[in-house]
């Protein structure tokens, strides 16, 4: 009897062990679907990315097979970089891409924990291609977005970004930011004789090219909020900064004027018709904030103080300007109406504030801050409340907003190992919450990034 009971216990223990093994195997399989899933959840704390399955776009034309895979890959990479999605490894897919493009078997995707599913098809029509995609809610078992685009074959990457924006907006409820470009200052050479060129690339670092040849110094490029134009400052002649406007689509460039004493390039108004700038008028003696009308080329002084007022940035409605000033002894942030009235100091904490820029949403201001031997990228509400730092380093500077106001890009200068001073600089992006910081890969060192508006 005792042996029988022990055998029963042994059999029960074996059954329990088998069940535990099966449970462990299931857990391992779920984790192996995408090894990054657990890491992102842990690193980002409250930010939990949405699992999404993105199939390769299918086509009856075999020659389009690789293109379908490339489009799918760009969409997947875009969504993963946002920090809000975790694409599921294609190796884990149960239903074939060809079958799912006709009709998804939602139960197969539920097993993989996919909350959303992306399918699509490609067709060729001579020199044109037709790209169709569908976004499904797996648990609701229904299509929530479906769109079709016709374009030239060499424009496939751009359409991939547009599709990514459509998916991002439908799932998150926020505008996308993938069909955008970044202009920045590419740097090379020793720090005491550094060559600086304007460069531009897609937000995913593709299609990189230089806009200037490095024969003259360029600084602080800024995008127009409503067009693919940039303004930047250049020292073609020593001690004589010129302001240029460069049309990226046409390649045309024009000189706005020469402004002695200027240290930062202007920023456009929301309608692109004016620019706000700071420079030292010989009749005034110190840097003041001016608004220049690009049509009439007449300027109006906005501030009038013995202090240094610089780095103006328009609010999205064009009614106000934020800038920094040392009128209290330390650099602080101020807002003023664009007619020069109602000056208000908004920064309240310790440290010195620089390079403020208004969010395209209108609800926040990003800035650079220096305090206690460290530099920070911070954000605050437009009245100065709820200030918080989202990035810090030996030297970080120059925040620029994504067009949806959720992400910031800036540059980080590394400390030199030889003398402890500044060394090479690189571009970084980060979520507004302070998570998902990523280095932007560029051919050379980079500084002073500016994010374009959406191109579509």
Protein backbone atom coordinates (compact mmCIF):
# COMPACT_ATOMS: atom_id res chain seq x y z
CA UNK A 1 0.00 0.00 0.00
CA UNK A 2 2.77 2.37 0.86
CA UNK A 3 4.54 1.54 -2.42
CA UNK A 4 1.31 2.12 -4.37
CA UNK A 5 0.82 5.52 -2.75
CA UNK A 6 4.42 6.47 -3.46
CA UNK A 7 4.01 5.39 -7.06
CA UNK A 8 0.88 7.54 -7.30
CA UNK A 9 2.75 10.46 -5.84
CA UNK A 10 5.60 9.81 -8.25
CA UNK A 11 3.18 9.74 -11.17
CA UNK A 12 1.52 12.94 -9.96
CA UNK A 13 4.92 14.59 -9.54
CA UNK A 14 5.86 13.56 -13.08
CA UNK A 15 2.62 15.01 -14.42
CA UNK A 16 3.26 18.23 -12.51
CA UNK A 17 6.80 18.41 -13.85
CA UNK A 18 5.54 17.87 -17.41
CA UNK A 19 2.96 20.64 -16.96
CA UNK A 20 5.58 22.99 -15.58
CA UNK A 21 7.90 22.17 -18.48
CA UNK A 22 5.13 22.88 -20.98
CA UNK A 23 4.35 26.17 -19.24
CA UNK A 24 8.03 27.14 -19.27
CA UNK A 25 8.34 26.24 -22.96
CA UNK A 26 5.28 28.40 -23.72
CA UNK A 27 6.80 31.35 -21.83
CA UNK A 28 10.13 30.94 -23.62
CA UNK A 29 8.36 30.79 -26.99
CA UNK A 30 6.46 33.98 -26.25
CA UNK A 31 9.65 35.73 -25.19
CA UNK A 32 11.49 34.44 -28.27
CA UNK A 33 8.86 35.97 -30.54
CA UNK A 34 10.80 39.14 -30.02
CA UNK A 35 13.69 39.29 -27.60
CA UNK A 36 13.47 43.06 -27.42
CA UNK A 37 9.95 43.03 -25.97
CA UNK A 38 11.00 42.29 -22.40
CA UNK A 39 13.95 44.67 -22.59
CA UNK A 40 11.85 47.58 -23.81
CA UNK A 41 9.19 47.01 -21.18
CA UNK A 42 11.79 46.99 -18.39
CA UNK A 43 13.81 49.93 -19.67
CA UNK A 44 10.86 52.17 -20.37
CA UNK A 45 8.92 51.54 -17.20
CA UNK A 46 5.47 52.96 -17.84
CA UNK A 47 5.92 52.94 -21.63
CA UNK A 48 4.69 49.55 -22.83
CA UNK A 49 5.02 49.08 -26.60
CA UNK A 50 2.17 47.59 -28.60
CA UNK A 51 2.90 44.22 -30.26
CA UNK A 52 2.27 44.51 -33.99
CA UNK A 53 2.69 41.99 -36.82
CA UNK A 54 3.88 43.44 -40.13
CA UNK A 55 3.84 41.05 -43.07
CA UNK A 56 5.80 41.49 -46.28
CA UNK A 57 3.78 43.08 -49.06
CA UNK A 58 2.73 40.43 -51.59
CA UNK A 59 2.59 40.59 -55.37
CA UNK A 60 1.73 38.36 -58.31
CA UNK A 61 4.84 39.85 -59.94
CA UNK A 62 7.88 37.88 -58.70
CA UNK A 63 10.21 40.80 -59.52
CA UNK A 64 8.48 42.85 -56.82
CA UNK A 65 9.09 40.32 -54.04
CA UNK A 66 12.21 42.05 -52.62
CA UNK A 67 10.54 45.44 -52.85
CA UNK A 68 7.62 44.14 -50.78
CA UNK A 69 10.06 42.94 -48.12
CA UNK A 70 11.90 46.28 -48.13
CA UNK A 71 8.70 48.29 -47.66
CA UNK A 72 7.67 46.03 -44.79
CA UNK A 73 11.12 46.40 -43.22
CA UNK A 74 11.05 50.21 -43.34
CA UNK A 75 7.57 50.29 -41.77
CA UNK A 76 8.68 47.87 -39.06
CA UNK A 77 11.87 49.84 -38.30
CA UNK A 78 9.96 53.14 -38.15
CA UNK A 79 7.40 51.84 -35.68
CA UNK A 80 10.00 50.10 -33.52
CA UNK A 81 12.14 53.26 -33.27
CA UNK A 82 9.15 55.21 -31.99
CA UNK A 83 9.29 53.16 -28.80
CA UNK A 84 5.51 52.65 -28.91
CA UNK A 85 5.47 49.46 -31.01
CA UNK A 86 7.24 46.12 -30.83
CA UNK A 87 7.15 44.33 -34.19
CA UNK A 88 6.80 40.55 -33.89
CA UNK A 89 9.53 38.45 -35.50
CA UNK A 90 8.33 37.19 -38.90
CA UNK A 91 9.78 33.76 -38.10
CA UNK A 92 7.02 33.32 -35.52
CA UNK A 93 4.20 33.95 -38.02
CA UNK A 94 1.75 31.06 -38.38
CA UNK A 95 -0.29 32.26 -41.35
CA UNK A 96 1.61 32.81 -44.60
CA UNK A 97 1.99 36.35 -45.93
CA UNK A 98 0.28 35.39 -49.18
CA UNK A 99 -2.71 33.91 -47.36
CA UNK A 100 -3.07 36.74 -44.86
CA UNK A 101 -3.08 39.32 -47.67
CA UNK A 102 -6.35 37.73 -48.84
CA UNK A 103 -8.02 37.12 -45.46
CA UNK A 104 -6.39 37.11 -41.99
CA UNK A 105 -6.98 34.19 -39.64
CA UNK A 106 -7.20 36.29 -36.51
CA UNK A 107 -6.86 33.36 -34.13
CA UNK A 108 -3.38 32.70 -35.53
CA UNK A 109 -2.35 36.26 -34.70
CA UNK A 110 -3.94 36.22 -31.25
CA UNK A 111 -1.69 33.29 -30.36
CA UNK A 112 1.30 35.57 -31.06
CA UNK A 113 -0.20 38.30 -28.84
CA UNK A 114 -0.34 40.70 -31.82
CA UNK A 115 -2.72 43.54 -31.11
CA UNK A 116 -2.51 44.86 -34.67
CA UNK A 117 -1.73 43.33 -38.03
CA UNK A 118 -0.44 45.01 -41.20
CA UNK A 119 -0.82 43.37 -44.61
CA UNK A 120 -0.38 44.68 -48.12
CA UNK A 121 0.01 44.06 -51.82
CA UNK A 122 2.14 45.43 -54.65
CA UNK A 123 1.29 45.78 -58.31
CA UNK A 124 3.31 47.14 -61.22
CA UNK A 125 2.00 49.29 -64.05
CA UNK A 126 4.87 50.17 -66.33
CA UNK A 127 7.02 52.77 -64.58
CA UNK A 128 4.51 53.08 -61.73
CA UNK A 129 3.83 50.81 -58.79
CA UNK A 130 0.66 50.50 -56.76
CA UNK A 131 1.13 50.00 -53.00
CA UNK A 132 -1.84 48.90 -50.90
CA UNK A 133 -1.84 48.29 -47.15
CA UNK A 134 -4.41 47.28 -44.54
CA UNK A 135 -4.27 47.69 -40.77
CA UNK A 136 -6.33 45.28 -38.66
CA UNK A 137 -7.33 45.27 -35.01
CA UNK A 138 -6.65 41.61 -34.18
CA UNK A 139 -8.87 41.31 -31.11
CA UNK A 140 -11.77 43.22 -32.68
CA UNK A 141 -11.17 41.15 -35.83
CA UNK A 142 -11.74 44.03 -38.20
CA UNK A 143 -9.90 46.33 -40.60
CA UNK A 144 -9.40 49.84 -39.21
CA UNK A 145 -7.34 51.44 -42.01
CA UNK A 146 -6.93 50.65 -45.68
CA UNK A 147 -5.18 52.84 -48.24
CA UNK A 148 -3.67 52.59 -51.70
CA UNK A 149 -0.90 54.68 -53.26
CA UNK A 150 0.44 54.91 -56.79
CA UNK A 151 3.94 56.24 -57.28
CA UNK A 152 7.20 55.76 -59.16
CA UNK A 153 9.23 52.73 -58.19
CA UNK A 154 12.12 54.78 -56.79
CA UNK A 155 9.70 56.55 -54.41
CA UNK A 156 8.90 53.37 -52.44
CA UNK A 157 10.74 54.46 -49.29
CA UNK A 158 8.78 57.70 -49.07
CA UNK A 159 5.49 55.79 -49.34
CA UNK A 160 6.74 53.45 -46.60
CA UNK A 161 7.07 56.48 -44.31
CA UNK A 162 3.59 57.71 -45.26
CA UNK A 163 2.13 54.28 -44.45
CA UNK A 164 4.02 54.30 -41.13
CA UNK A 165 2.47 57.68 -40.30
CA UNK A 166 -1.03 56.37 -41.08
CA UNK A 167 -0.51 53.36 -38.78
CA UNK A 168 1.01 55.46 -36.01
CA UNK A 169 -1.84 57.97 -36.11
CA UNK A 170 -4.60 55.36 -36.14
CA UNK A 171 -3.19 53.35 -33.24
CA UNK A 172 -1.86 56.17 -31.00
CA UNK A 173 -4.30 58.95 -31.89
CA UNK A 174 -1.34 61.31 -32.50
CA UNK A 175 0.06 62.65 -35.74
CA UNK A 176 2.95 60.79 -37.30
CA UNK A 177 6.50 61.99 -37.87
CA UNK A 178 8.09 59.44 -40.21
CA UNK A 179 7.71 61.30 -43.51
CA UNK A 180 10.12 64.00 -42.38
CA UNK A 181 13.72 65.05 -42.83
CA UNK A 182 16.50 66.28 -40.56
CA UNK A 183 18.91 69.04 -41.49
CA UNK A 184 21.99 69.43 -39.33
CA UNK A 185 25.60 70.64 -39.25
CA UNK A 186 28.04 67.86 -40.24
CA UNK A 187 31.39 68.27 -38.51
CA UNK A 188 34.83 66.86 -39.24
CA UNK A 189 38.41 67.73 -38.43
CA UNK A 190 40.23 68.87 -35.25
CA UNK A 191 38.19 70.88 -32.76
CA UNK A 192 40.32 74.02 -33.25
CA UNK A 193 39.79 73.92 -37.03
CA UNK A 194 36.55 72.06 -37.59
CA UNK A 195 34.90 71.97 -41.00
CA UNK A 196 31.13 72.46 -40.82
CA UNK A 197 28.75 71.62 -43.66
CA UNK A 198 25.01 71.57 -43.94
CA UNK A 199 23.66 68.06 -44.40
CA UNK A 200 20.19 66.60 -44.77
CA UNK A 201 18.69 63.11 -44.43
CA UNK A 202 15.39 61.34 -43.92
CA UNK A 203 14.39 60.87 -40.28
CA UNK A 204 15.56 57.23 -40.51
CA UNK A 205 19.00 58.42 -41.70
CA UNK A 206 18.44 57.29 -45.32
CA UNK A 207 19.08 59.52 -48.38
CA UNK A 208 21.89 61.44 -46.69
CA UNK A 209 23.48 64.26 -48.66
CA UNK A 210 25.46 67.46 -48.09
CA UNK A 211 23.95 70.83 -48.98
CA UNK A 212 27.14 72.91 -48.68
CA UNK A 213 30.73 72.03 -49.60
CA UNK A 214 32.49 73.05 -46.38
CA UNK A 215 34.36 75.98 -47.93
CA UNK A 216 32.65 78.33 -45.46
CA UNK A 217 31.30 78.01 -41.93
CA UNK A 218 27.60 77.27 -41.44
CA UNK A 219 25.64 77.37 -38.19
CA UNK A 220 22.20 76.71 -36.69
CA UNK A 221 19.93 75.66 -39.59
CA UNK A 222 16.18 75.99 -38.95
CA UNK A 223 13.25 74.54 -40.91
CA UNK A 224 10.22 76.50 -41.98
CA UNK A 225 7.13 75.11 -40.15
CA UNK A 226 5.07 74.96 -43.35
CA UNK A 227 7.49 74.25 -46.19
CA UNK A 228 10.71 72.49 -47.10
CA UNK A 229 12.83 75.60 -46.68
CA UNK A 230 15.57 76.23 -44.17
CA UNK A 231 17.25 79.33 -42.88
CA UNK A 232 20.81 79.22 -41.64
CA UNK A 233 23.66 81.49 -40.71
CA UNK A 234 26.98 81.48 -42.54
CA UNK A 235 30.32 83.22 -42.26
CA UNK A 236 31.28 83.56 -45.90
CA UNK A 237 33.36 86.55 -44.87
CA UNK A 238 35.09 86.75 -41.48
CA UNK A 239 33.13 88.61 -38.78
CA UNK A 240 30.23 89.18 -41.14
CA UNK A 241 27.45 86.64 -40.61
CA UNK A 242 24.96 86.28 -43.41
CA UNK A 243 21.50 84.78 -43.17
CA UNK A 244 20.44 82.52 -46.03
CA UNK A 245 17.16 80.87 -47.01
CA UNK A 246 17.59 77.58 -48.83
CA UNK A 247 14.78 75.86 -50.75
CA UNK A 248 15.52 72.14 -50.48
CA UNK A 249 13.12 71.16 -53.27
CA UNK A 250 14.56 73.52 -55.88
CA UNK A 251 18.08 74.03 -54.54
CA UNK A 252 17.64 77.79 -54.82
CA UNK A 253 19.32 79.93 -52.20
CA UNK A 254 18.94 83.60 -51.34
CA UNK A 255 20.64 85.97 -48.94
CA UNK A 256 18.32 87.59 -46.44
CA UNK A 257 21.00 90.00 -45.30
CA UNK A 258 24.17 90.58 -43.32
CA UNK A 259 23.76 91.05 -39.58
CA UNK A 260 26.90 91.86 -37.58
CA UNK A 261 26.69 90.62 -34.01
CA UNK A 262 24.35 87.74 -34.80
CA UNK A 263 25.16 84.43 -33.12
CA UNK A 264 22.06 82.32 -33.86
CA UNK A 265 20.22 81.82 -37.11
CA UNK A 266 16.65 83.14 -37.29
CA UNK A 267 13.55 80.99 -36.86
CA UNK A 268 10.55 81.19 -39.17
CA UNK A 269 7.12 82.33 -38.09
CA UNK A 270 4.40 79.66 -38.37
CA UNK A 271 3.23 81.04 -41.73
CA UNK A 272 6.80 81.20 -43.08
CA UNK A 273 6.49 84.89 -43.96
CA UNK A 274 8.61 86.31 -41.15
CA UNK A 275 11.64 85.35 -39.14
CA UNK A 276 12.58 86.18 -35.58
CA UNK A 277 16.26 86.89 -34.95
CA UNK A 278 18.63 88.51 -32.50
CA UNK A 279 21.59 90.66 -33.35
CA UNK A 280 23.55 93.66 -32.14
CA UNK A 281 22.46 96.80 -33.95
CA UNK A 282 25.37 99.29 -33.96
CA UNK A 283 22.96 101.99 -32.77
CA UNK A 284 21.80 99.83 -29.84
CA UNK A 285 24.98 98.06 -28.77
CA UNK A 286 23.54 94.87 -27.33
CA UNK A 287 21.64 91.93 -28.78
CA UNK A 288 17.89 92.47 -29.10
CA UNK A 289 15.05 90.45 -30.58
CA UNK A 290 13.84 91.54 -34.04
CA UNK A 291 11.15 90.32 -36.43
CA UNK A 292 12.01 90.54 -40.11
CA UNK A 293 9.28 90.55 -42.78
CA UNK A 294 10.65 88.45 -45.64
CA UNK A 295 8.52 90.18 -48.28
CA UNK A 296 9.27 93.79 -47.41
CA UNK A 297 12.68 93.07 -45.78
CA UNK A 298 11.78 95.51 -43.03
CA UNK A 299 12.58 94.63 -39.42
CA UNK A 300 10.94 95.58 -36.15
CA UNK A 301 12.67 95.51 -32.80
CA UNK A 302 10.67 93.58 -30.18
CA UNK A 303 12.81 93.94 -27.03
CA UNK A 304 14.45 97.05 -25.61
CA UNK A 305 16.80 96.43 -22.72
CA UNK A 306 20.46 96.82 -21.81
CA UNK A 307 20.75 93.03 -21.42
CA UNK A 308 21.46 90.38 -24.05
CA UNK A 309 18.27 88.93 -25.58
CA UNK A 310 18.77 85.98 -27.96
CA UNK A 311 17.33 82.70 -29.34
CA UNK A 312 13.79 83.76 -30.19
CA UNK A 313 11.18 81.13 -31.14
CA UNK A 314 7.58 81.73 -32.23
CA UNK A 315 4.57 80.06 -30.65
CA UNK A 316 2.58 77.94 -33.16
CA UNK A 317 -0.09 80.66 -33.48
CA UNK A 318 2.55 83.33 -34.08
CA UNK A 319 1.22 85.48 -31.23
CA UNK A 320 4.16 85.07 -28.83
CA UNK A 321 7.92 84.61 -28.80
CA UNK A 322 10.04 82.79 -26.22
CA UNK A 323 13.68 83.81 -25.84
CA UNK A 324 16.49 83.83 -23.28
CA UNK A 325 17.96 86.88 -21.57
CA UNK A 326 20.51 87.69 -18.88
CA UNK A 327 18.57 90.71 -17.61
CA UNK A 328 18.47 89.22 -14.08
CA UNK A 329 22.15 88.27 -14.11
CA UNK A 330 21.58 84.65 -15.12
CA UNK A 331 20.14 83.34 -18.35
CA UNK A 332 16.39 82.86 -17.98
CA UNK A 333 13.51 82.24 -20.37
CA UNK A 334 10.97 84.93 -21.18
CA UNK A 335 7.88 85.18 -23.33
CA UNK A 336 6.66 88.31 -25.06
CA UNK A 337 3.89 89.07 -27.51
CA UNK A 338 5.06 89.48 -31.08
CA UNK A 339 4.09 93.17 -30.87
CA UNK A 340 6.60 93.67 -28.03
CA UNK A 341 4.09 93.78 -25.16
CA UNK A 342 3.49 91.70 -22.01
CA UNK A 343 7.01 90.52 -21.22
CA UNK A 344 7.01 87.62 -18.69
CA UNK A 345 9.79 85.58 -17.16
CA UNK A 346 8.75 81.92 -17.15
CA UNK A 347 11.80 79.95 -15.92
CA UNK A 348 11.97 79.71 -12.13
CA UNK A 349 14.58 77.14 -11.12
CA UNK A 350 18.33 77.32 -10.56
CA UNK A 351 20.77 77.16 -13.46
CA UNK A 352 21.03 78.98 -16.78
CA UNK A 353 18.63 78.46 -19.70
CA UNK A 354 19.40 78.54 -23.41
CA UNK A 355 17.98 77.74 -26.89
CA UNK A 356 14.25 77.64 -26.10
CA UNK A 357 11.92 76.30 -28.79
CA UNK A 358 8.13 76.17 -28.72
CA UNK A 359 6.42 72.80 -29.23
CA UNK A 360 4.33 72.51 -32.43
CA UNK A 361 1.45 71.49 -30.14
CA UNK A 362 1.76 74.85 -28.39
CA UNK A 363 1.67 73.40 -24.89
CA UNK A 364 5.36 73.10 -24.01
CA UNK A 365 8.75 74.72 -24.45
CA UNK A 366 11.97 72.73 -24.76
CA UNK A 367 15.32 74.23 -23.77
CA UNK A 368 18.96 73.65 -22.92
CA UNK A 369 19.95 74.12 -19.29
CA UNK A 370 23.32 74.35 -17.56
CA UNK A 371 23.56 73.69 -13.85
CA UNK A 372 26.19 72.24 -11.53
CA UNK A 373 28.68 71.34 -14.25
CA UNK A 374 26.09 69.43 -16.29
CA UNK A 375 24.03 70.26 -19.36
CA UNK A 376 20.42 69.17 -19.69
CA UNK A 377 17.65 69.05 -22.27
CA UNK A 378 14.45 70.01 -20.48
CA UNK A 379 10.82 70.84 -21.09
CA UNK A 380 8.32 73.04 -19.26
CA UNK A 381 4.78 74.23 -19.78
CA UNK A 382 4.45 77.63 -21.43
CA UNK A 383 3.95 79.39 -18.08
CA UNK A 384 7.16 77.81 -16.73
CA UNK A 385 5.44 75.21 -14.56
CA UNK A 386 6.22 71.47 -14.44
CA UNK A 387 9.84 71.86 -15.48
CA UNK A 388 11.60 68.53 -15.91
CA UNK A 389 14.86 67.31 -17.42
CA UNK A 390 14.70 64.49 -19.95
CA UNK A 391 18.37 64.17 -21.00
CA UNK A 392 21.73 65.13 -19.50
CA UNK A 393 25.42 64.84 -20.35
CA UNK A 394 28.76 66.60 -20.25
CA UNK A 395 27.32 68.76 -23.02
CA UNK A 396 23.88 68.48 -24.64
CA UNK A 397 22.30 71.32 -26.55
CA UNK A 398 19.95 72.49 -29.27
CA UNK A 399 16.59 70.69 -28.93
CA UNK A 400 14.29 70.48 -31.95
CA UNK A 401 10.75 69.10 -31.93
CA UNK A 402 9.27 66.41 -34.15
CA UNK A 403 6.20 67.75 -35.99
CA UNK A 404 3.84 65.81 -33.71
CA UNK A 405 5.43 67.29 -30.57
CA UNK A 406 6.18 63.89 -29.01
CA UNK A 407 9.92 63.58 -29.69
CA UNK A 408 12.97 65.77 -29.39
CA UNK A 409 16.28 65.64 -31.21
CA UNK A 410 19.45 67.36 -29.99
CA UNK A 411 23.20 66.95 -30.11
CA UNK A 412 25.52 65.57 -27.50
CA UNK A 413 29.20 66.45 -27.30
CA UNK A 414 31.45 63.82 -25.78
CA UNK A 415 34.10 64.73 -23.25
CA UNK A 416 37.61 64.56 -24.72
CA UNK A 417 39.76 61.87 -23.08
CA UNK A 418 42.93 63.95 -23.47
CA UNK A 419 42.09 67.24 -21.75
CA UNK A 420 38.49 66.81 -20.53
CA UNK A 421 37.13 69.43 -22.90
CA UNK A 422 34.57 68.92 -25.63
CA UNK A 423 35.23 66.38 -28.36
CA UNK A 424 33.14 64.82 -31.12
CA UNK A 425 29.41 65.48 -31.20
CA UNK A 426 26.52 63.26 -32.32
CA UNK A 427 22.78 63.59 -32.80
CA UNK A 428 20.29 61.90 -30.46
CA UNK A 429 16.52 61.58 -30.25
CA UNK A 430 14.37 60.94 -27.20
CA UNK A 431 10.72 60.53 -26.28
CA UNK A 432 9.08 63.44 -24.48
CA UNK A 433 8.77 61.22 -21.41
CA UNK A 434 12.56 60.89 -21.21
CA UNK A 435 12.65 57.28 -22.47
CA UNK A 436 13.84 55.68 -25.68
CA UNK A 437 16.99 57.77 -26.20
CA UNK A 438 18.64 56.75 -29.47
CA UNK A 439 21.81 57.81 -31.23
CA UNK A 440 21.28 59.03 -34.78
CA UNK A 441 23.89 57.48 -37.07
CA UNK A 442 25.53 59.99 -39.42
CA UNK A 443 28.64 59.72 -41.66
CA UNK A 444 30.39 62.50 -39.72
CA UNK A 445 29.91 64.18 -36.37
CA UNK A 446 26.71 66.19 -36.09
CA UNK A 447 25.30 69.21 -34.27
CA UNK A 448 22.43 71.71 -34.44
CA UNK A 449 19.68 69.43 -35.80
CA UNK A 450 16.39 70.79 -37.10
CA UNK A 451 13.33 68.62 -37.75
CA UNK A 452 11.23 69.30 -40.83
CA UNK A 453 7.42 69.44 -40.95
CA UNK A 454 5.63 66.50 -42.53
CA UNK A 455 6.25 66.37 -46.26
CA UNK A 456 2.83 64.94 -47.17
